[in-house]
C-alpha atoms as a PDB file:
ATOM      1  CA  MET A   1       0.000   0.000   0.000  1.00  0.00           C
ATOM      2  CA  ARG A   2       2.708   2.452  -1.025  1.00  0.00           C
ATOM      3  CA  LEU A   3       0.188   5.101  -2.108  1.00  0.00           C
ATOM      4  CA  GLU A   4      -2.263   4.767   0.750  1.00  0.00           C
ATOM      5  CA  ASN A   5      -4.192   8.004   1.372  1.00  0.00           C
ATOM      6  CA  LYS A   6      -2.635   9.667  -1.695  1.00  0.00           C
ATOM      7  CA  VAL A   7      -4.733  11.259  -4.433  1.00  0.00           C
ATOM      8  CA  THR A   8      -3.253  10.627  -7.868  1.00  0.00           C
ATOM      9  CA  LEU A   9      -4.205  12.141 -11.218  1.00  0.00           C
ATOM     10  CA  ILE A  10      -3.143  10.237 -14.331  1.00  0.00           C
ATOM     11  CA  THR A  11      -3.725  11.720 -17.789  1.00  0.00           C
ATOM     12  CA  GLY A  12      -4.282   9.421 -20.750  1.00  0.00           C
ATOM     13  CA  ALA A  13      -5.287   6.584 -18.426  1.00  0.00           C
ATOM     14  CA  GLY A  14      -7.776   4.916 -20.741  1.00  0.00           C
ATOM     15  CA  SER A  15      -5.267   2.485 -22.246  1.00  0.00           C
ATOM     16  CA  GLY A  16      -1.643   1.382 -22.402  1.00  0.00           C
ATOM     17  CA  ILE A  17       0.820   2.697 -19.840  1.00  0.00           C
ATOM     18  CA  GLY A  18      -1.717   5.085 -18.330  1.00  0.00           C
ATOM     19  CA  LYS A  19      -4.247   2.331 -17.681  1.00  0.00           C
ATOM     20  CA  SER A  20      -1.650  -0.061 -16.261  1.00  0.00           C
ATOM     21  CA  SER A  21      -0.415   2.702 -13.966  1.00  0.00           C
ATOM     22  CA  ALA A  22      -3.932   3.579 -12.841  1.00  0.00           C
ATOM     23  CA  LEU A  23      -4.710  -0.046 -11.985  1.00  0.00           C
ATOM     24  CA  LEU A  24      -1.432  -0.435 -10.101  1.00  0.00           C
ATOM     25  CA  PHE A  25      -1.876   2.845  -8.214  1.00  0.00           C
ATOM     26  CA  GLY A  26      -5.355   1.686  -7.208  1.00  0.00           C
ATOM     27  CA  ARG A  27      -4.019  -1.610  -5.887  1.00  0.00           C
ATOM     28  CA  GLU A  28      -1.415   0.330  -3.906  1.00  0.00           C
ATOM     29  CA  GLY A  29      -4.083   2.291  -2.045  1.00  0.00           C
ATOM     30  CA  ALA A  30      -4.336   5.518  -4.051  1.00  0.00           C
ATOM     31  CA  TYR A  31      -7.491   7.372  -4.897  1.00  0.00           C
ATOM     32  CA  VAL A  32      -7.021   7.420  -8.679  1.00  0.00           C
ATOM     33  CA  ILE A  33      -8.406  10.249 -10.755  1.00  0.00           C
ATOM     34  CA  VAL A  34      -8.532   8.741 -14.223  1.00  0.00           C
ATOM     35  CA  ASN A  35      -8.315  11.196 -17.110  1.00  0.00           C
ATOM     36  CA  ASP A  36      -8.750  10.450 -20.790  1.00  0.00           C
ATOM     37  CA  LEU A  37     -10.227  12.149 -23.833  1.00  0.00           C
ATOM     38  CA  ASP A  38     -11.979   8.865 -24.677  1.00  0.00           C
ATOM     39  CA  ALA A  39     -14.891   8.712 -22.223  1.00  0.00           C
ATOM     40  CA  THR A  40     -15.575   5.013 -22.794  1.00  0.00           C
ATOM     41  CA  LYS A  41     -12.018   3.842 -22.180  1.00  0.00           C
ATOM     42  CA  GLY A  42     -11.477   6.208 -19.255  1.00  0.00           C
ATOM     43  CA  ALA A  43     -14.675   5.104 -17.534  1.00  0.00           C
ATOM     44  CA  GLU A  44     -13.694   1.460 -18.059  1.00  0.00           C
ATOM     45  CA  THR A  45     -10.369   2.030 -16.303  1.00  0.00           C
ATOM     46  CA  ALA A  46     -12.069   3.701 -13.333  1.00  0.00           C
ATOM     47  CA  ALA A  47     -14.684   0.944 -13.140  1.00  0.00           C
ATOM     48  CA  GLU A  48     -11.986  -1.736 -13.136  1.00  0.00           C
ATOM     49  CA  ILE A  49     -10.164  -0.038 -10.252  1.00  0.00           C
ATOM     50  CA  ILE A  50     -13.392   0.112  -8.259  1.00  0.00           C
ATOM     51  CA  ALA A  51     -14.259  -3.507  -9.104  1.00  0.00           C
ATOM     52  CA  ASN A  52     -10.872  -4.517  -7.690  1.00  0.00           C
ATOM     53  CA  GLY A  53     -11.649  -2.801  -4.404  1.00  0.00           C
ATOM     54  CA  GLY A  54      -9.938   0.518  -5.143  1.00  0.00           C
ATOM     55  CA  LYS A  55     -11.109   4.115  -5.287  1.00  0.00           C
ATOM     56  CA  ALA A  56     -11.352   5.979  -8.579  1.00  0.00           C
ATOM     57  CA  LEU A  57     -13.060   8.832 -10.389  1.00  0.00           C
ATOM     58  CA  PHE A  58     -13.117   9.355 -14.140  1.00  0.00           C
ATOM     59  CA  LEU A  59     -12.837  12.932 -15.395  1.00  0.00           C
ATOM     60  CA  GLN A  60     -12.909  13.516 -19.136  1.00  0.00           C
ATOM     61  CA  ALA A  61     -10.700  16.382 -20.287  1.00  0.00           C
ATOM     62  CA  ASP A  62      -8.633  17.456 -23.270  1.00  0.00           C
ATOM     63  CA  VAL A  63      -5.120  18.056 -21.919  1.00  0.00           C
ATOM     64  CA  THR A  64      -4.483  20.640 -24.666  1.00  0.00           C
ATOM     65  CA  ASP A  65      -7.452  22.834 -23.687  1.00  0.00           C
ATOM     66  CA  PRO A  66      -6.965  25.212 -20.717  1.00  0.00           C
ATOM     67  CA  GLU A  67     -10.625  25.405 -19.671  1.00  0.00           C
ATOM     68  CA  SER A  68     -11.043  21.650 -19.909  1.00  0.00           C
ATOM     69  CA  VAL A  69      -7.953  20.998 -17.776  1.00  0.00           C
ATOM     70  CA  LYS A  70      -8.844  23.676 -15.224  1.00  0.00           C
ATOM     71  CA  GLN A  71     -12.317  22.233 -14.800  1.00  0.00           C
ATOM     72  CA  MET A  72     -10.849  18.739 -14.319  1.00  0.00           C
ATOM     73  CA  VAL A  73      -8.428  19.938 -11.638  1.00  0.00           C
ATOM     74  CA  ASP A  74     -11.105  22.028  -9.910  1.00  0.00           C
ATOM     75  CA  THR A  75     -13.437  19.008  -9.780  1.00  0.00           C
ATOM     76  CA  ALA A  76     -10.634  16.807  -8.444  1.00  0.00           C
ATOM     77  CA  ILE A  77      -9.886  19.279  -5.660  1.00  0.00           C
ATOM     78  CA  GLU A  78     -13.570  19.717  -4.818  1.00  0.00           C
ATOM     79  CA  THR A  79     -13.982  15.940  -4.627  1.00  0.00           C
ATOM     80  CA  CYS A  80     -10.762  14.889  -2.931  1.00  0.00           C
ATOM     81  CA  GLY A  81      -9.398  18.051  -1.320  1.00  0.00           C
ATOM     82  CA  ARG A  82      -5.879  17.584  -2.664  1.00  0.00           C
ATOM     83  CA  ILE A  83      -3.707  16.079  -5.412  1.00  0.00           C
ATOM     84  CA  ASP A  84      -0.562  14.335  -4.226  1.00  0.00           C
ATOM     85  CA  VAL A  85       0.654  12.860  -7.504  1.00  0.00           C
ATOM     86  CA  LEU A  86       0.291  14.123 -11.073  1.00  0.00           C
ATOM     87  CA  PHE A  87       1.347  11.700 -13.790  1.00  0.00           C
ATOM     88  CA  ASN A  88       1.490  13.557 -17.120  1.00  0.00           C
ATOM     89  CA  ASN A  89       1.191  10.456 -19.257  1.00  0.00           C
ATOM     90  CA  ALA A  90      -1.050  11.551 -22.149  1.00  0.00           C
ATOM     91  CA  GLY A  91       0.723  11.753 -25.484  1.00  0.00           C
ATOM     92  CA  ILE A  92       0.736  10.733 -29.116  1.00  0.00           C
ATOM     93  CA  SER A  93       3.352   9.436 -31.514  1.00  0.00           C
ATOM     94  CA  GLY A  94       4.626  11.117 -34.636  1.00  0.00           C
ATOM     95  CA  VAL A  95       6.253   9.327 -37.548  1.00  0.00           C
ATOM     96  CA  GLY A  96       8.278  10.894 -40.330  1.00  0.00           C
ATOM     97  CA  ALA A  97      11.570  12.586 -41.116  1.00  0.00           C
ATOM     98  CA  LEU A  98      11.458  16.362 -40.846  1.00  0.00           C
ATOM     99  CA  HIS A  99      11.041  17.065 -44.570  1.00  0.00           C
ATOM    100  CA  GLU A 100       8.150  14.590 -44.781  1.00  0.00           C
ATOM    101  CA  LEU A 101       6.021  16.270 -42.114  1.00  0.00           C
ATOM    102  CA  GLU A 102       3.230  18.665 -42.863  1.00  0.00           C
ATOM    103  CA  PRO A 103       3.071  21.644 -40.494  1.00  0.00           C
ATOM    104  CA  GLU A 104      -0.275  20.401 -39.163  1.00  0.00           C
ATOM    105  CA  GLN A 105       1.253  17.030 -38.251  1.00  0.00           C
ATOM    106  CA  TRP A 106       4.160  18.703 -36.482  1.00  0.00           C
ATOM    107  CA  ASP A 107       1.874  21.084 -34.593  1.00  0.00           C
ATOM    108  CA  ARG A 108      -0.422  18.306 -33.387  1.00  0.00           C
ATOM    109  CA  VAL A 109       2.411  16.288 -31.824  1.00  0.00           C
ATOM    110  CA  ILE A 110       3.918  19.408 -30.254  1.00  0.00           C
ATOM    111  CA  ARG A 111       0.521  20.477 -28.916  1.00  0.00           C
ATOM    112  CA  VAL A 112      -0.402  17.169 -27.276  1.00  0.00           C
ATOM    113  CA  ASN A 113       3.003  16.108 -25.977  1.00  0.00           C
ATOM    114  CA  ILE A 114       4.243  19.445 -24.617  1.00  0.00           C
ATOM    115  CA  ARG A 115       1.100  21.495 -23.994  1.00  0.00           C
ATOM    116  CA  GLY A 116      -0.398  18.329 -22.498  1.00  0.00           C
ATOM    117  CA  VAL A 117       2.306  18.415 -19.816  1.00  0.00           C
ATOM    118  CA  PHE A 118       2.221  22.195 -19.349  1.00  0.00           C
ATOM    119  CA  LEU A 119      -1.509  22.632 -18.714  1.00  0.00           C
ATOM    120  CA  PRO A 120      -2.150  19.900 -16.104  1.00  0.00           C
ATOM    121  CA  SER A 121       1.015  20.964 -14.292  1.00  0.00           C
ATOM    122  CA  LYS A 122       0.003  24.635 -14.413  1.00  0.00           C
ATOM    123  CA  TYR A 123      -3.327  24.002 -12.710  1.00  0.00           C
ATOM    124  CA  VAL A 124      -2.184  21.322 -10.244  1.00  0.00           C
ATOM    125  CA  LEU A 125       0.971  23.093  -9.047  1.00  0.00           C
ATOM    126  CA  PRO A 126      -0.728  25.886  -7.052  1.00  0.00           C
ATOM    127  CA  HIS A 127      -2.495  23.237  -4.949  1.00  0.00           C
ATOM    128  CA  MET A 128       0.740  21.304  -4.385  1.00  0.00           C
ATOM    129  CA  MET A 129       2.493  24.555  -3.490  1.00  0.00           C
ATOM    130  CA  GLU A 130      -0.195  25.324  -0.926  1.00  0.00           C
ATOM    131  CA  GLN A 131       0.027  21.871   0.648  1.00  0.00           C
ATOM    132  CA  ARG A 132       3.838  21.989   0.308  1.00  0.00           C
ATOM    133  CA  SER A 133       4.147  18.477  -1.054  1.00  0.00           C
ATOM    134  CA  GLY A 134       3.657  16.536  -4.242  1.00  0.00           C
ATOM    135  CA  SER A 135       5.196  14.359  -6.927  1.00  0.00           C
ATOM    136  CA  ILE A 136       4.929  15.164 -10.631  1.00  0.00           C
ATOM    137  CA  ILE A 137       5.890  12.499 -13.161  1.00  0.00           C
ATOM    138  CA  ASN A 138       6.390  13.578 -16.771  1.00  0.00           C
ATOM    139  CA  MET A 139       6.412  11.088 -19.619  1.00  0.00           C
ATOM    140  CA  SER A 140       9.511  11.580 -21.725  1.00  0.00           C
ATOM    141  CA  SER A 141      11.161   8.810 -23.781  1.00  0.00           C
ATOM    142  CA  CYS A 142      14.559   7.306 -24.414  1.00  0.00           C
ATOM    143  CA  VAL A 143      14.453   9.064 -27.807  1.00  0.00           C
ATOM    144  CA  ALA A 144      15.202  12.243 -25.854  1.00  0.00           C
ATOM    145  CA  GLU A 145      18.711  10.793 -25.511  1.00  0.00           C
ATOM    146  CA  ILE A 146      19.266   8.880 -28.763  1.00  0.00           C
ATOM    147  CA  GLY A 147      18.534   9.388 -32.432  1.00  0.00           C
ATOM    148  CA  LEU A 148      15.797   7.272 -33.956  1.00  0.00           C
ATOM    149  CA  ALA A 149      14.894   7.252 -37.634  1.00  0.00           C
ATOM    150  CA  ARG A 150      11.748   9.086 -38.726  1.00  0.00           C
ATOM    151  CA  ARG A 151      10.727  10.303 -35.273  1.00  0.00           C
ATOM    152  CA  ALA A 152      11.544  14.012 -35.654  1.00  0.00           C
ATOM    153  CA  SER A 153       8.424  15.508 -34.060  1.00  0.00           C
ATOM    154  CA  TYR A 154       8.137  12.872 -31.340  1.00  0.00           C
ATOM    155  CA  SER A 155      11.817  13.151 -30.394  1.00  0.00           C
ATOM    156  CA  ALA A 156      11.583  16.940 -30.260  1.00  0.00           C
ATOM    157  CA  THR A 157       8.680  16.794 -27.819  1.00  0.00           C
ATOM    158  CA  LYS A 158      10.225  14.184 -25.559  1.00  0.00           C
ATOM    159  CA  GLY A 159      13.490  16.115 -25.384  1.00  0.00           C
ATOM    160  CA  ALA A 160      11.472  19.191 -24.453  1.00  0.00           C
ATOM    161  CA  VAL A 161       9.633  17.303 -21.706  1.00  0.00           C
ATOM    162  CA  LEU A 162      12.928  16.137 -20.206  1.00  0.00           C
ATOM    163  CA  ALA A 163      14.321  19.700 -20.216  1.00  0.00           C
ATOM    164  CA  LEU A 164      11.056  21.010 -18.774  1.00  0.00           C
ATOM    165  CA  THR A 165      11.212  18.442 -15.989  1.00  0.00           C
ATOM    166  CA  LYS A 166      14.607  19.705 -14.853  1.00  0.00           C
ATOM    167  CA  SER A 167      13.517  23.334 -14.975  1.00  0.00           C
ATOM    168  CA  MET A 168      10.330  22.602 -13.044  1.00  0.00           C
ATOM    169  CA  GLN A 169      12.301  20.843 -10.351  1.00  0.00           C
ATOM    170  CA  VAL A 170      14.442  23.920  -9.738  1.00  0.00           C
ATOM    171  CA  ASP A 171      11.367  26.155  -9.509  1.00  0.00           C
ATOM    172  CA  TYR A 172       9.370  23.976  -7.123  1.00  0.00           C
ATOM    173  CA  ALA A 173      11.941  22.211  -4.940  1.00  0.00           C
ATOM    174  CA  SER A 174      11.447  24.757  -2.153  1.00  0.00           C
ATOM    175  CA  TYR A 175       7.795  23.661  -1.943  1.00  0.00           C
ATOM    176  CA  GLN A 176       8.841  20.025  -1.361  1.00  0.00           C
ATOM    177  CA  ILE A 177       7.488  19.119  -4.790  1.00  0.00           C
ATOM    178  CA  ARG A 178       9.442  16.501  -6.709  1.00  0.00           C
ATOM    179  CA  VAL A 179       9.436  16.464 -10.519  1.00  0.00           C
ATOM    180  CA  ASN A 180      10.921  13.493 -12.371  1.00  0.00           C
ATOM    181  CA  ALA A 181      10.677  11.987 -15.849  1.00  0.00           C
ATOM    182  CA  LEU A 182      10.137   8.492 -17.196  1.00  0.00           C
ATOM    183  CA  LEU A 183      12.161   7.527 -20.286  1.00  0.00           C
ATOM    184  CA  PRO A 184      10.757   4.275 -21.672  1.00  0.00           C
ATOM    185  CA  GLY A 185      12.144   2.368 -24.604  1.00  0.00           C
ATOM    186  CA  THR A 186       9.825   0.611 -27.022  1.00  0.00           C
ATOM    187  CA  ILE A 187       6.817  -0.589 -25.051  1.00  0.00           C
ATOM    188  CA  LEU A 188       4.343  -3.028 -26.579  1.00  0.00           C
ATOM    189  CA  THR A 189       1.189  -1.013 -25.986  1.00  0.00           C
ATOM    190  CA  PRO A 190      -2.035  -1.447 -28.006  1.00  0.00           C
ATOM    191  CA  PHE A 191      -1.029   1.690 -29.941  1.00  0.00           C
ATOM    192  CA  VAL A 192       2.347   0.191 -30.922  1.00  0.00           C
ATOM    193  CA  GLU A 193       0.784  -3.141 -31.851  1.00  0.00           C
ATOM    194  CA  ASN A 194      -1.750  -1.422 -34.111  1.00  0.00           C
ATOM    195  CA  TYR A 195       0.959   0.766 -35.658  1.00  0.00           C
ATOM    196  CA  LEU A 196       3.080  -2.287 -36.505  1.00  0.00           C
ATOM    197  CA  LYS A 197       0.114  -4.140 -38.008  1.00  0.00           C
ATOM    198  CA  THR A 198      -0.966  -1.238 -40.189  1.00  0.00           C
ATOM    199  CA  SER A 199       2.453   0.116 -41.209  1.00  0.00           C
ATOM    200  CA  TYR A 200       4.456  -2.998 -42.066  1.00  0.00           C
ATOM    201  CA  ASP A 201       3.873  -5.853 -44.480  1.00  0.00           C
ATOM    202  CA  ASP A 202       5.535  -8.177 -41.962  1.00  0.00           C
ATOM    203  CA  PRO A 203       4.703  -7.029 -38.407  1.00  0.00           C
ATOM    204  CA  GLU A 204       6.653  -9.919 -36.871  1.00  0.00           C
ATOM    205  CA  ALA A 205       9.815  -8.842 -38.669  1.00  0.00           C
ATOM    206  CA  ALA A 206       9.224  -5.289 -37.478  1.00  0.00           C
ATOM    207  CA  ILE A 207       8.920  -6.494 -33.887  1.00  0.00           C
ATOM    208  CA  ALA A 208      12.142  -8.488 -34.256  1.00  0.00           C
ATOM    209  CA  SER A 209      13.898  -5.359 -35.511  1.00  0.00           C
ATOM    210  CA  LEU A 210      12.601  -3.340 -32.547  1.00  0.00           C
ATOM    211  CA  LYS A 211      13.758  -6.010 -30.106  1.00  0.00           C
ATOM    212  CA  SER A 212      17.255  -5.944 -31.599  1.00  0.00           C
ATOM    213  CA  ARG A 213      17.641  -2.277 -30.581  1.00  0.00           C
ATOM    214  CA  GLN A 214      17.449  -3.192 -26.909  1.00  0.00           C
ATOM    215  CA  LEU A 215      20.012  -5.144 -24.887  1.00  0.00           C
ATOM    216  CA  SER A 216      17.142  -7.055 -23.310  1.00  0.00           C
ATOM    217  CA  GLN A 217      16.315  -8.417 -26.788  1.00  0.00           C
ATOM    218  CA  ASP A 218      12.698  -7.902 -25.865  1.00  0.00           C
ATOM    219  CA  LEU A 219      10.101  -5.151 -25.753  1.00  0.00           C
ATOM    220  CA  GLY A 220       8.845  -3.622 -22.548  1.00  0.00           C
ATOM    221  CA  THR A 221       5.301  -3.934 -21.262  1.00  0.00           C
ATOM    222  CA  PRO A 222       2.995  -1.231 -19.914  1.00  0.00           C
ATOM    223  CA  GLU A 223       3.352  -2.906 -16.528  1.00  0.00           C
ATOM    224  CA  ASP A 224       7.132  -2.341 -16.615  1.00  0.00           C
ATOM    225  CA  VAL A 225       6.596   1.406 -16.936  1.00  0.00           C
ATOM    226  CA  ALA A 226       3.756   1.408 -14.403  1.00  0.00           C
ATOM    227  CA  ALA A 227       6.101  -0.084 -11.797  1.00  0.00           C
ATOM    228  CA  ALA A 228       8.588   2.721 -12.420  1.00  0.00           C
ATOM    229  CA  ALA A 229       5.797   5.305 -12.187  1.00  0.00           C
ATOM    230  CA  LEU A 230       4.748   3.807  -8.859  1.00  0.00           C
ATOM    231  CA  PHE A 231       8.296   4.216  -7.565  1.00  0.00           C
ATOM    232  CA  LEU A 232       8.354   7.903  -8.532  1.00  0.00           C
ATOM    233  CA  ALA A 233       4.873   8.466  -7.107  1.00  0.00           C
ATOM    234  CA  SER A 234       5.710   6.884  -3.766  1.00  0.00           C
ATOM    235  CA  ASP A 235       7.902   8.043  -0.905  1.00  0.00           C
ATOM    236  CA  ASP A 236      10.410   5.353  -1.937  1.00  0.00           C
ATOM    237  CA  SER A 237      11.833   7.914  -4.383  1.00  0.00           C
ATOM    238  CA  LYS A 238      11.859  10.853  -1.964  1.00  0.00           C
ATOM    239  CA  PHE A 239      15.511  11.670  -2.768  1.00  0.00           C
ATOM    240  CA  MET A 240      14.995  11.746  -6.547  1.00  0.00           C
ATOM    241  CA  MET A 241      14.540  15.251  -7.936  1.00  0.00           C
ATOM    242  CA  GLY A 242      14.677  16.333 -11.577  1.00  0.00           C
ATOM    243  CA  SER A 243      15.870  12.876 -12.582  1.00  0.00           C
ATOM    244  CA  PRO A 244      15.348  10.817 -15.735  1.00  0.00           C
ATOM    245  CA  LEU A 245      14.397   7.210 -15.009  1.00  0.00           C
ATOM    246  CA  TYR A 246      15.156   4.824 -17.880  1.00  0.00           C
ATOM    247  CA  ILE A 247      12.923   1.822 -18.566  1.00  0.00           C
ATOM    248  CA  ASP A 248      14.362   0.988 -21.953  1.00  0.00           C
ATOM    249  CA  GLY A 249      15.851  -2.519 -21.900  1.00  0.00           C
ATOM    250  CA  GLY A 250      19.302  -1.002 -22.411  1.00  0.00           C
ATOM    251  CA  ALA A 251      18.475   0.995 -25.532  1.00  0.00           C
ATOM    252  CA  VAL A 252      20.265   4.169 -24.422  1.00  0.00           C
ATOM    253  CA  PHE A 253      23.414   2.977 -22.690  1.00  0.00           C
ATOM    254  CA  GLY A 254      24.057  -0.338 -24.404  1.00  0.00           C
ATOM    255  CA  LYS A 255      24.789  -1.641 -27.874  1.00  0.00           C
ATOM    256  CA  ASN A 256      24.861  -5.243 -28.988  1.00  0.00           C
ATOM    257  CA  ALA A 257      28.046  -6.380 -30.691  1.00  0.00           C
END
């Protein structure tokens, strides 16, 4: 029960890493505020937490829209009185080399992946500052540290999130607020599975290629990242501030011979 009596807000919790994290946080005693743009998936996550004996509330909001995010945070505070953990998980992928991208494609990835961290943080932080405690977890990626073909927009956003994490930590350390970043490698989420099936003639060969990039010779699971998020959310990581936490199977610091 590492999150007992803690109120946690997870964006993009309707599927993948966000859902796995929400379910794990619920099992660890947290009151989980489940956010997603997809009302059906978000409500399903909250219902599953409750069915497993946990406490949850689904709040639909668009993390790129200020009024939507403000209303979500206001409702969370009215309902629970506080927010102890904010996990900025919502995000989208972007595929293409720079010259291949249309400005609208670039702008959409930038908007969701950076603005979607900025806005929830903006509206949650004043409450954490008042209570003088809190943990914010920002979803970056190992591509913030390494080059990866045809991921220009995605890499740009995840590098920005990592830099933002460090800057936020400096600004809010005096309020006993911790801000850290997760840097996953390739995680076999439903989104990745669908992308491989629709983008490659031989999805199995594509998966084998992805596995070869990682020293583990395997892909991560949403549960792998959820366990790392739990660590950052809990008091177990109380001495981690402004830190990147890699869950990448050795993609960044290792290379197979």
